[in-house]
Amino acid sequence: MKRILSTLFLMSSMLLSACSMSPIVKDIRYDEVSYDAENRKTVVSAIDSSTEFKIRILTETIMGLGPNIDPEEAGFVAREAVLYPRYLANQYRLIAPPNSHNVLVNTGRRDRGLCYHWARDMSEQIVKGRTYKTLTLNRAVANQGRKYEHNVLTVAAKGKGIKDAYILDGWRNSGDLLVLQTREDPEYDWEEYTRRVYSAVPDVNNKETN
């Protein structure tokens, strides 16, 4: 069942990725989504059947990570992982494809929207200040400190590591969540994220890796 669910996500994500590689630049806007800061929860005015399906499939995928996964934990992570990136897309004033938005950020025309912004902001929403008894959520990185570095949030059963996790990637499909088992990602070799600080000039403009 886990392999079937993973395959469904991969097929869907490959189609979406193909769209994101199009040379046509477009604005990304999710009108139905907002954020309840008091309760730290993404709010939607209406959930269509496609979104409901994504949340349900992701919940089942997370439940399949182990024999004792709490359904409430799995459901919460799935819901926020699907919906919160749409809110972030609006906050970032996102354009697609992703690399075009990166150009805007790197040239100062947008404040956020690089892959590490997605990973950090999703982690802040889904992980920070919350306790999970049956799940482990960590940031993961591929090619850290090198060209084509990429950052994501991952979910695994409690006590399991990155190699047994699924990635929750908001960047690659411009706010439409991509879910893949880390070991089956055709583009990246994932490892646990370790914060590093780089400086082009000593003691000036230190910044976290992107």
C-alpha atoms as a PDB file:
ATOM      1  CA  MET A   1       0.000   0.000   0.000  1.00  0.00           C
ATOM      2  CA  LYS A   2       2.837   2.435   0.859  1.00  0.00           C
ATOM      3  CA  ARG A   3       4.421   1.886  -2.560  1.00  0.00           C
ATOM      4  CA  ILE A   4       1.072   2.411  -4.326  1.00  0.00           C
ATOM      5  CA  LEU A   5       0.451   5.666  -2.441  1.00  0.00           C
ATOM      6  CA  SER A   6       3.980   6.850  -3.122  1.00  0.00           C
ATOM      7  CA  THR A   7       3.576   6.044  -6.815  1.00  0.00           C
ATOM      8  CA  LEU A   8       0.347   8.053  -6.995  1.00  0.00           C
ATOM      9  CA  PHE A   9       2.075  11.081  -5.487  1.00  0.00           C
ATOM     10  CA  LEU A  10       5.092  10.644  -7.768  1.00  0.00           C
ATOM     11  CA  MET A  11       2.994  10.448 -10.935  1.00  0.00           C
ATOM     12  CA  SER A  12       1.021  13.509  -9.920  1.00  0.00           C
ATOM     13  CA  SER A  13       4.161  15.395  -8.934  1.00  0.00           C
ATOM     14  CA  MET A  14       5.968  14.564 -12.182  1.00  0.00           C
ATOM     15  CA  LEU A  15       3.105  16.072 -14.144  1.00  0.00           C
ATOM     16  CA  LEU A  16       3.105  19.158 -11.962  1.00  0.00           C
ATOM     17  CA  SER A  17       6.884  19.420 -12.180  1.00  0.00           C
ATOM     18  CA  ALA A  18       6.690  19.306 -15.950  1.00  0.00           C
ATOM     19  CA  CYS A  19       4.330  22.275 -15.799  1.00  0.00           C
ATOM     20  CA  SER A  20       6.652  24.138 -13.441  1.00  0.00           C
ATOM     21  CA  MET A  21       9.506  23.813 -15.914  1.00  0.00           C
ATOM     22  CA  SER A  22       7.493  25.656 -18.567  1.00  0.00           C
ATOM     23  CA  PRO A  23       9.108  28.911 -19.746  1.00  0.00           C
ATOM     24  CA  ILE A  24       5.769  30.663 -19.211  1.00  0.00           C
ATOM     25  CA  VAL A  25       5.908  32.705 -16.005  1.00  0.00           C
ATOM     26  CA  LYS A  26       2.642  33.039 -14.105  1.00  0.00           C
ATOM     27  CA  ASP A  27       1.420  34.425 -10.800  1.00  0.00           C
ATOM     28  CA  ILE A  28       0.375  31.860  -8.203  1.00  0.00           C
ATOM     29  CA  ARG A  29      -2.583  32.742  -6.010  1.00  0.00           C
ATOM     30  CA  TYR A  30      -4.721  30.588  -3.729  1.00  0.00           C
ATOM     31  CA  ASP A  31      -7.825  32.651  -2.972  1.00  0.00           C
ATOM     32  CA  GLU A  32      -9.521  30.206  -0.604  1.00  0.00           C
ATOM     33  CA  VAL A  33      -6.812  30.075   2.043  1.00  0.00           C
ATOM     34  CA  SER A  34      -5.985  32.219   5.090  1.00  0.00           C
ATOM     35  CA  TYR A  35      -4.309  31.754   8.462  1.00  0.00           C
ATOM     36  CA  ASP A  36      -5.622  31.678  12.035  1.00  0.00           C
ATOM     37  CA  ALA A  37      -2.629  32.985  14.006  1.00  0.00           C
ATOM     38  CA  GLU A  38      -4.283  32.525  17.407  1.00  0.00           C
ATOM     39  CA  ASN A  39      -4.826  28.802  16.872  1.00  0.00           C
ATOM     40  CA  ARG A  40      -1.841  28.358  14.520  1.00  0.00           C
ATOM     41  CA  LYS A  41      -3.974  26.702  11.879  1.00  0.00           C
ATOM     42  CA  THR A  42      -4.452  27.173   8.160  1.00  0.00           C
ATOM     43  CA  VAL A  43      -8.024  28.095   7.288  1.00  0.00           C
ATOM     44  CA  VAL A  44      -9.819  27.458   4.005  1.00  0.00           C
ATOM     45  CA  SER A  45     -13.169  28.846   2.995  1.00  0.00           C
ATOM     46  CA  ALA A  46     -13.936  25.701   1.004  1.00  0.00           C
ATOM     47  CA  ILE A  47     -12.028  22.497   0.260  1.00  0.00           C
ATOM     48  CA  ASP A  48     -12.555  21.019  -3.181  1.00  0.00           C
ATOM     49  CA  SER A  49     -12.561  17.282  -3.827  1.00  0.00           C
ATOM     50  CA  SER A  50      -9.021  17.310  -5.207  1.00  0.00           C
ATOM     51  CA  THR A  51      -7.649  18.915  -2.045  1.00  0.00           C
ATOM     52  CA  GLU A  52      -9.644  16.569   0.170  1.00  0.00           C
ATOM     53  CA  PHE A  53      -8.183  13.642  -1.776  1.00  0.00           C
ATOM     54  CA  LYS A  54      -4.619  14.929  -1.330  1.00  0.00           C
ATOM     55  CA  ILE A  55      -5.091  15.337   2.424  1.00  0.00           C
ATOM     56  CA  ARG A  56      -6.665  11.896   2.761  1.00  0.00           C
ATOM     57  CA  ILE A  57      -3.959  10.161   0.728  1.00  0.00           C
ATOM     58  CA  LEU A  58      -1.201  11.930   2.643  1.00  0.00           C
ATOM     59  CA  THR A  59      -2.845  11.002   5.953  1.00  0.00           C
ATOM     60  CA  GLU A  60      -2.901   7.347   4.848  1.00  0.00           C
ATOM     61  CA  THR A  61       0.693   7.597   3.686  1.00  0.00           C
ATOM     62  CA  ILE A  62       1.804   8.948   7.071  1.00  0.00           C
ATOM     63  CA  MET A  63      -0.260   6.271   8.852  1.00  0.00           C
ATOM     64  CA  GLY A  64       1.636   3.706   6.800  1.00  0.00           C
ATOM     65  CA  LEU A  65       4.981   4.823   8.222  1.00  0.00           C
ATOM     66  CA  GLY A  66       4.563   2.518  11.213  1.00  0.00           C
ATOM     67  CA  PRO A  67       2.117   0.313  13.113  1.00  0.00           C
ATOM     68  CA  ASN A  68       1.350   2.773  15.906  1.00  0.00           C
ATOM     69  CA  ILE A  69       0.970   6.151  14.202  1.00  0.00           C
ATOM     70  CA  ASP A  70      -1.585   8.379  15.917  1.00  0.00           C
ATOM     71  CA  PRO A  71      -4.382   9.164  13.398  1.00  0.00           C
ATOM     72  CA  GLU A  72      -4.840  12.659  14.832  1.00  0.00           C
ATOM     73  CA  GLU A  73      -1.138  13.453  14.443  1.00  0.00           C
ATOM     74  CA  ALA A  74      -1.115  12.060  10.918  1.00  0.00           C
ATOM     75  CA  GLY A  75      -4.254  13.993   9.998  1.00  0.00           C
ATOM     76  CA  PHE A  76      -2.951  17.287  11.374  1.00  0.00           C
ATOM     77  CA  VAL A  77       0.419  16.995   9.629  1.00  0.00           C
ATOM     78  CA  ALA A  78      -1.253  16.012   6.353  1.00  0.00           C
ATOM     79  CA  ARG A  79      -3.747  18.883   6.476  1.00  0.00           C
ATOM     80  CA  GLU A  80      -1.157  21.545   7.287  1.00  0.00           C
ATOM     81  CA  ALA A  81       1.396  20.130   4.852  1.00  0.00           C
ATOM     82  CA  VAL A  82      -1.113  20.419   2.010  1.00  0.00           C
ATOM     83  CA  LEU A  83      -2.762  23.718   2.956  1.00  0.00           C
ATOM     84  CA  TYR A  84      -0.052  25.826   4.589  1.00  0.00           C
ATOM     85  CA  PRO A  85       2.184  25.962   1.481  1.00  0.00           C
ATOM     86  CA  ARG A  86      -0.737  27.589  -0.337  1.00  0.00           C
ATOM     87  CA  TYR A  87      -0.867  30.279   2.329  1.00  0.00           C
ATOM     88  CA  LEU A  88       2.909  30.702   2.017  1.00  0.00           C
ATOM     89  CA  ALA A  89       2.585  31.051  -1.741  1.00  0.00           C
ATOM     90  CA  ASN A  90       0.313  34.041  -1.183  1.00  0.00           C
ATOM     91  CA  GLN A  91       2.649  35.504   1.430  1.00  0.00           C
ATOM     92  CA  TYR A  92       5.651  35.102  -0.878  1.00  0.00           C
ATOM     93  CA  ARG A  93       3.715  36.690  -3.791  1.00  0.00           C
ATOM     94  CA  LEU A  94       4.805  33.611  -5.656  1.00  0.00           C
ATOM     95  CA  ILE A  95       5.376  33.215  -9.363  1.00  0.00           C
ATOM     96  CA  ALA A  96       5.986  29.977 -11.240  1.00  0.00           C
ATOM     97  CA  PRO A  97       8.126  28.204 -12.266  1.00  0.00           C
ATOM     98  CA  PRO A  98      10.124  28.073  -8.992  1.00  0.00           C
ATOM     99  CA  ASN A  99      13.452  29.069 -10.500  1.00  0.00           C
ATOM    100  CA  SER A 100      11.864  32.245 -11.866  1.00  0.00           C
ATOM    101  CA  HIS A 101      10.724  33.160  -8.368  1.00  0.00           C
ATOM    102  CA  ASN A 102      14.245  32.448  -7.097  1.00  0.00           C
ATOM    103  CA  VAL A 103      15.522  35.085  -9.517  1.00  0.00           C
ATOM    104  CA  LEU A 104      13.133  37.647  -8.010  1.00  0.00           C
ATOM    105  CA  VAL A 105      14.330  36.821  -4.484  1.00  0.00           C
ATOM    106  CA  ASN A 106      17.994  36.840  -5.415  1.00  0.00           C
ATOM    107  CA  THR A 107      17.624  40.222  -7.140  1.00  0.00           C
ATOM    108  CA  GLY A 108      15.697  41.774  -4.239  1.00  0.00           C
ATOM    109  CA  ARG A 109      12.267  41.936  -5.890  1.00  0.00           C
ATOM    110  CA  ARG A 110      10.776  39.398  -3.489  1.00  0.00           C
ATOM    111  CA  ASP A 111      11.668  38.878   0.171  1.00  0.00           C
ATOM    112  CA  ARG A 112      11.101  35.117   0.435  1.00  0.00           C
ATOM    113  CA  GLY A 113      10.399  31.975  -1.526  1.00  0.00           C
ATOM    114  CA  LEU A 114      13.720  30.136  -1.854  1.00  0.00           C
ATOM    115  CA  CYS A 115      13.598  26.454  -0.952  1.00  0.00           C
ATOM    116  CA  TYR A 116      15.054  26.991   2.510  1.00  0.00           C
ATOM    117  CA  HIS A 117      12.359  29.601   3.215  1.00  0.00           C
ATOM    118  CA  TRP A 118       9.743  26.957   2.400  1.00  0.00           C
ATOM    119  CA  ALA A 119      11.453  24.358   4.607  1.00  0.00           C
ATOM    120  CA  ARG A 120      11.930  26.790   7.488  1.00  0.00           C
ATOM    121  CA  ASP A 121       8.433  28.273   7.384  1.00  0.00           C
ATOM    122  CA  MET A 122       6.740  24.876   7.062  1.00  0.00           C
ATOM    123  CA  SER A 123       8.822  23.644  10.001  1.00  0.00           C
ATOM    124  CA  GLU A 124       7.861  26.695  12.063  1.00  0.00           C
ATOM    125  CA  GLN A 125       4.177  25.995  11.428  1.00  0.00           C
ATOM    126  CA  ILE A 126       4.031  22.205  11.662  1.00  0.00           C
ATOM    127  CA  VAL A 127       6.838  21.393  14.094  1.00  0.00           C
ATOM    128  CA  LYS A 128       7.846  24.279  16.366  1.00  0.00           C
ATOM    129  CA  GLY A 129       6.120  24.261  19.738  1.00  0.00           C
ATOM    130  CA  ARG A 130       4.194  21.059  19.024  1.00  0.00           C
ATOM    131  CA  THR A 131       4.705  17.619  20.535  1.00  0.00           C
ATOM    132  CA  TYR A 132       4.391  14.487  18.427  1.00  0.00           C
ATOM    133  CA  LYS A 133       4.337  11.149  20.230  1.00  0.00           C
ATOM    134  CA  THR A 134       4.361   8.932  17.127  1.00  0.00           C
ATOM    135  CA  LEU A 135       6.007  11.049  14.429  1.00  0.00           C
ATOM    136  CA  THR A 136       9.418  12.576  13.798  1.00  0.00           C
ATOM    137  CA  LEU A 137       9.559  15.736  11.681  1.00  0.00           C
ATOM    138  CA  ASN A 138      12.943  17.038  10.554  1.00  0.00           C
ATOM    139  CA  ARG A 139      14.375  19.286   7.917  1.00  0.00           C
ATOM    140  CA  ALA A 140      16.440  17.543   5.255  1.00  0.00           C
ATOM    141  CA  VAL A 141      18.934  18.857   2.724  1.00  0.00           C
ATOM    142  CA  ALA A 142      20.500  17.663  -0.505  1.00  0.00           C
ATOM    143  CA  ASN A 143      23.767  19.006  -1.911  1.00  0.00           C
ATOM    144  CA  GLN A 144      24.315  21.177   1.158  1.00  0.00           C
ATOM    145  CA  GLY A 145      26.708  24.029   0.467  1.00  0.00           C
ATOM    146  CA  ARG A 146      26.928  23.102  -3.216  1.00  0.00           C
ATOM    147  CA  LYS A 147      25.190  23.995  -6.445  1.00  0.00           C
ATOM    148  CA  TYR A 148      21.571  22.850  -6.611  1.00  0.00           C
ATOM    149  CA  GLU A 149      21.212  22.667  -2.837  1.00  0.00           C
ATOM    150  CA  HIS A 150      17.627  21.901  -1.866  1.00  0.00           C
ATOM    151  CA  ASN A 151      15.842  21.953   1.508  1.00  0.00           C
ATOM    152  CA  VAL A 152      12.597  20.314   2.622  1.00  0.00           C
ATOM    153  CA  LEU A 153      10.624  19.206   5.670  1.00  0.00           C
ATOM    154  CA  THR A 154      10.322  15.441   6.230  1.00  0.00           C
ATOM    155  CA  VAL A 155       8.027  13.184   8.237  1.00  0.00           C
ATOM    156  CA  ALA A 156       8.878   9.719   9.584  1.00  0.00           C
ATOM    157  CA  ALA A 157       7.720   7.365  12.301  1.00  0.00           C
ATOM    158  CA  LYS A 158       8.991   8.231  15.768  1.00  0.00           C
ATOM    159  CA  GLY A 159      12.677   7.392  16.088  1.00  0.00           C
ATOM    160  CA  LYS A 160      13.206   6.840  12.369  1.00  0.00           C
ATOM    161  CA  GLY A 161      15.661   8.855  10.296  1.00  0.00           C
ATOM    162  CA  ILE A 162      15.699  10.694   6.994  1.00  0.00           C
ATOM    163  CA  LYS A 163      16.127   7.533   4.915  1.00  0.00           C
ATOM    164  CA  ASP A 164      12.797   6.208   6.235  1.00  0.00           C
ATOM    165  CA  ALA A 165      10.926   9.481   5.769  1.00  0.00           C
ATOM    166  CA  TYR A 166       8.737  11.210   3.224  1.00  0.00           C
ATOM    167  CA  ILE A 167       9.636  14.673   1.980  1.00  0.00           C
ATOM    168  CA  LEU A 168       7.046  17.441   2.203  1.00  0.00           C
ATOM    169  CA  ASP A 169       8.230  19.856  -0.486  1.00  0.00           C
ATOM    170  CA  GLY A 170       6.354  23.112  -1.065  1.00  0.00           C
ATOM    171  CA  TRP A 171       8.932  24.679  -3.376  1.00  0.00           C
ATOM    172  CA  ARG A 172       9.158  22.309  -6.339  1.00  0.00           C
ATOM    173  CA  ASN A 173       5.535  22.664  -7.441  1.00  0.00           C
ATOM    174  CA  SER A 174       4.970  26.281  -6.396  1.00  0.00           C
ATOM    175  CA  GLY A 175       2.829  25.675  -3.322  1.00  0.00           C
ATOM    176  CA  ASP A 176       1.182  22.457  -4.526  1.00  0.00           C
ATOM    177  CA  LEU A 177       2.749  19.970  -2.109  1.00  0.00           C
ATOM    178  CA  LEU A 178       5.062  17.312  -3.505  1.00  0.00           C
ATOM    179  CA  VAL A 179       5.364  14.113  -1.456  1.00  0.00           C
ATOM    180  CA  LEU A 180       8.017  11.469  -2.119  1.00  0.00           C
ATOM    181  CA  GLN A 181       9.822   8.856  -0.086  1.00  0.00           C
ATOM    182  CA  THR A 182      13.324  10.231   0.431  1.00  0.00           C
ATOM    183  CA  ARG A 183      15.030   7.145  -0.984  1.00  0.00           C
ATOM    184  CA  GLU A 184      12.846   7.233  -4.103  1.00  0.00           C
ATOM    185  CA  ASP A 185      13.362  10.892  -5.034  1.00  0.00           C
ATOM    186  CA  PRO A 186      14.767  10.882  -8.583  1.00  0.00           C
ATOM    187  CA  GLU A 187      16.358  14.317  -8.216  1.00  0.00           C
ATOM    188  CA  TYR A 188      18.042  14.429  -4.801  1.00  0.00           C
ATOM    189  CA  ASP A 189      19.947  12.355  -2.259  1.00  0.00           C
ATOM    190  CA  TRP A 190      18.653  13.500   1.115  1.00  0.00           C
ATOM    191  CA  GLU A 191      20.401  13.798   4.473  1.00  0.00           C
ATOM    192  CA  GLU A 192      19.483  15.420   7.763  1.00  0.00           C
ATOM    193  CA  TYR A 193      19.816  19.195   7.699  1.00  0.00           C
ATOM    194  CA  THR A 194      22.584  20.817   9.722  1.00  0.00           C
ATOM    195  CA  ARG A 195      22.586  24.587  10.021  1.00  0.00           C
ATOM    196  CA  ARG A 196      25.617  26.191   8.426  1.00  0.00           C
ATOM    197  CA  VAL A 197      26.641  29.832   8.128  1.00  0.00           C
ATOM    198  CA  TYR A 198      28.473  31.183   5.113  1.00  0.00           C
ATOM    199  CA  SER A 199      30.225  34.480   4.632  1.00  0.00           C
ATOM    200  CA  ALA A 200      31.612  35.870   1.378  1.00  0.00           C
ATOM    201  CA  VAL A 201      33.500  38.489   3.403  1.00  0.00           C
ATOM    202  CA  PRO A 202      34.684  37.586   6.952  1.00  0.00           C
ATOM    203  CA  ASP A 203      32.333  38.844   9.671  1.00  0.00           C
ATOM    204  CA  VAL A 204      30.077  40.614   7.146  1.00  0.00           C
ATOM    205  CA  ASN A 205      26.673  39.554   5.799  1.00  0.00           C
ATOM    206  CA  ASN A 206      26.657  36.082   7.392  1.00  0.00           C
ATOM    207  CA  LYS A 207      23.599  34.224   6.274  1.00  0.00           C
ATOM    208  CA  GLU A 208      22.058  30.802   6.518  1.00  0.00           C
ATOM    209  CA  THR A 209      22.486  28.488   3.565  1.00  0.00           C
ATOM    210  CA  ASN A 210      19.638  28.393   1.081  1.00  0.00           C
END
